[in-house]
Amino acid sequence: MFPMEKEKMAKNLAKINYVVLKALLPYIILAKLQEGQATVPTIILEIHKKFEIMLSPGTLYGVIYSMERKGYVKRNEASIFSCRKSWIT
């Protein structure tokens, strides 16, 4: 296989991994919340460790707010004065 083909395949694989991760993001967030309270920064770090993909906070907040509107998660009111928001299931 030529070096350019390997490079192209690696880029395509990275794109596929990102798309799959975004599709599974609500389930990953719920799994993390089942372990206890979680903040967006801790979820980002966990995803980065496990999947080697760095997501922006805006990506996670969008998914979490959507889950909150559907009633899957709720904001932890105890953290309202904290600079970090946390959610619970």
C-alpha atoms as a PDB file:
ATOM      1  CA  MET A   1       0.000   0.000   0.000  1.00  0.00           C
ATOM      2  CA  PHE A   2       1.254   3.456  -0.859  1.00  0.00           C
ATOM      3  CA  PRO A   3       1.955   5.968   1.949  1.00  0.00           C
ATOM      4  CA  MET A   4      -0.707   8.353   0.626  1.00  0.00           C
ATOM      5  CA  GLU A   5      -3.321   5.599   0.747  1.00  0.00           C
ATOM      6  CA  LYS A   6      -2.439   4.806   4.358  1.00  0.00           C
ATOM      7  CA  GLU A   7      -2.693   8.472   5.286  1.00  0.00           C
ATOM      8  CA  LYS A   8      -6.056   8.798   3.553  1.00  0.00           C
ATOM      9  CA  MET A   9      -7.351   5.647   5.265  1.00  0.00           C
ATOM     10  CA  ALA A  10      -6.211   6.955   8.666  1.00  0.00           C
ATOM     11  CA  LYS A  11      -8.061  10.249   8.102  1.00  0.00           C
ATOM     12  CA  ASN A  12     -11.198   8.417   7.002  1.00  0.00           C
ATOM     13  CA  LEU A  13     -11.030   6.150  10.045  1.00  0.00           C
ATOM     14  CA  ALA A  14     -10.685   9.181  12.332  1.00  0.00           C
ATOM     15  CA  LYS A  15     -13.778  10.727  10.724  1.00  0.00           C
ATOM     16  CA  ILE A  16     -15.734   7.512  11.173  1.00  0.00           C
ATOM     17  CA  ASN A  17     -14.695   7.289  14.836  1.00  0.00           C
ATOM     18  CA  TYR A  18     -15.835  10.877  15.417  1.00  0.00           C
ATOM     19  CA  VAL A  19     -19.230  10.295  13.772  1.00  0.00           C
ATOM     20  CA  VAL A  20     -19.805   7.100  15.772  1.00  0.00           C
ATOM     21  CA  LEU A  21     -18.758   8.819  19.005  1.00  0.00           C
ATOM     22  CA  LYS A  22     -21.167  11.714  18.406  1.00  0.00           C
ATOM     23  CA  ALA A  23     -23.993   9.252  17.728  1.00  0.00           C
ATOM     24  CA  LEU A  24     -23.270   7.428  20.990  1.00  0.00           C
ATOM     25  CA  LEU A  25     -22.635  10.576  23.035  1.00  0.00           C
ATOM     26  CA  PRO A  26     -25.979  10.580  24.913  1.00  0.00           C
ATOM     27  CA  TYR A  27     -25.366   6.999  26.040  1.00  0.00           C
ATOM     28  CA  ILE A  28     -21.786   7.764  27.065  1.00  0.00           C
ATOM     29  CA  ILE A  29     -23.009  10.753  29.084  1.00  0.00           C
ATOM     30  CA  LEU A  30     -25.705   8.661  30.784  1.00  0.00           C
ATOM     31  CA  ALA A  31     -23.157   5.971  31.631  1.00  0.00           C
ATOM     32  CA  LYS A  32     -20.851   8.593  33.149  1.00  0.00           C
ATOM     33  CA  LEU A  33     -23.731  10.076  35.149  1.00  0.00           C
ATOM     34  CA  GLN A  34     -24.653   6.633  36.489  1.00  0.00           C
ATOM     35  CA  GLU A  35     -21.266   6.674  38.234  1.00  0.00           C
ATOM     36  CA  GLY A  36     -22.329   9.862  40.059  1.00  0.00           C
ATOM     37  CA  GLN A  37     -22.425  13.594  39.446  1.00  0.00           C
ATOM     38  CA  ALA A  38     -20.393  14.750  36.500  1.00  0.00           C
ATOM     39  CA  THR A  39     -19.344  18.050  34.994  1.00  0.00           C
ATOM     40  CA  VAL A  40     -18.685  18.749  31.333  1.00  0.00           C
ATOM     41  CA  PRO A  41     -14.899  19.058  31.847  1.00  0.00           C
ATOM     42  CA  THR A  42     -14.742  15.650  33.562  1.00  0.00           C
ATOM     43  CA  ILE A  43     -16.789  14.043  30.784  1.00  0.00           C
ATOM     44  CA  ILE A  44     -14.540  15.616  28.123  1.00  0.00           C
ATOM     45  CA  LEU A  45     -11.433  14.263  29.847  1.00  0.00           C
ATOM     46  CA  GLU A  46     -12.952  10.799  30.188  1.00  0.00           C
ATOM     47  CA  ILE A  47     -13.905  10.701  26.503  1.00  0.00           C
ATOM     48  CA  HIS A  48     -10.444  11.927  25.530  1.00  0.00           C
ATOM     49  CA  LYS A  49      -8.787   9.192  27.628  1.00  0.00           C
ATOM     50  CA  LYS A  50     -10.976   6.385  26.287  1.00  0.00           C
ATOM     51  CA  PHE A  51     -11.471   7.392  22.645  1.00  0.00           C
ATOM     52  CA  GLU A  52      -8.548   9.772  21.974  1.00  0.00           C
ATOM     53  CA  ILE A  53     -10.981  12.347  20.578  1.00  0.00           C
ATOM     54  CA  MET A  54     -11.194  15.843  22.031  1.00  0.00           C
ATOM     55  CA  LEU A  55     -14.703  17.284  22.027  1.00  0.00           C
ATOM     56  CA  SER A  56     -15.540  20.908  22.625  1.00  0.00           C
ATOM     57  CA  PRO A  57     -17.627  21.889  25.659  1.00  0.00           C
ATOM     58  CA  GLY A  58     -20.247  23.284  23.269  1.00  0.00           C
ATOM     59  CA  THR A  59     -20.757  19.847  21.752  1.00  0.00           C
ATOM     60  CA  LEU A  60     -21.409  18.285  25.153  1.00  0.00           C
ATOM     61  CA  TYR A  61     -23.563  21.140  26.440  1.00  0.00           C
ATOM     62  CA  GLY A  62     -25.763  20.867  23.349  1.00  0.00           C
ATOM     63  CA  VAL A  63     -26.307  17.145  23.909  1.00  0.00           C
ATOM     64  CA  ILE A  64     -26.846  17.554  27.662  1.00  0.00           C
ATOM     65  CA  TYR A  65     -29.350  20.403  27.256  1.00  0.00           C
ATOM     66  CA  SER A  66     -31.249  18.297  24.728  1.00  0.00           C
ATOM     67  CA  MET A  67     -31.272  15.394  27.184  1.00  0.00           C
ATOM     68  CA  GLU A  68     -32.425  17.777  29.934  1.00  0.00           C
ATOM     69  CA  ARG A  69     -35.365  19.010  27.824  1.00  0.00           C
ATOM     70  CA  LYS A  70     -36.395  15.391  27.190  1.00  0.00           C
ATOM     71  CA  GLY A  71     -36.222  14.626  30.921  1.00  0.00           C
ATOM     72  CA  TYR A  72     -33.314  12.167  30.785  1.00  0.00           C
ATOM     73  CA  VAL A  73     -31.111  14.246  33.083  1.00  0.00           C
ATOM     74  CA  LYS A  74     -31.609  17.172  35.412  1.00  0.00           C
ATOM     75  CA  ARG A  75     -29.342  19.935  36.583  1.00  0.00           C
ATOM     76  CA  ASN A  76     -28.002  19.554  40.084  1.00  0.00           C
ATOM     77  CA  GLU A  77     -29.446  22.574  41.890  1.00  0.00           C
ATOM     78  CA  ALA A  78     -26.794  22.339  44.608  1.00  0.00           C
ATOM     79  CA  SER A  79     -24.188  23.424  42.079  1.00  0.00           C
ATOM     80  CA  ILE A  80     -26.034  26.559  40.946  1.00  0.00           C
ATOM     81  CA  PHE A  81     -23.487  28.811  42.673  1.00  0.00           C
ATOM     82  CA  SER A  82     -20.555  26.839  41.369  1.00  0.00           C
ATOM     83  CA  CYS A  83     -18.738  27.928  38.255  1.00  0.00           C
ATOM     84  CA  ARG A  84     -19.219  24.397  36.908  1.00  0.00           C
ATOM     85  CA  LYS A  85     -22.630  22.955  36.276  1.00  0.00           C
ATOM     86  CA  SER A  86     -23.253  19.320  37.064  1.00  0.00           C
ATOM     87  CA  TRP A  87     -26.019  16.956  36.085  1.00  0.00           C
ATOM     88  CA  ILE A  88     -27.558  13.881  37.617  1.00  0.00           C
ATOM     89  CA  THR A  89     -29.779  11.176  36.171  1.00  0.00           C
END
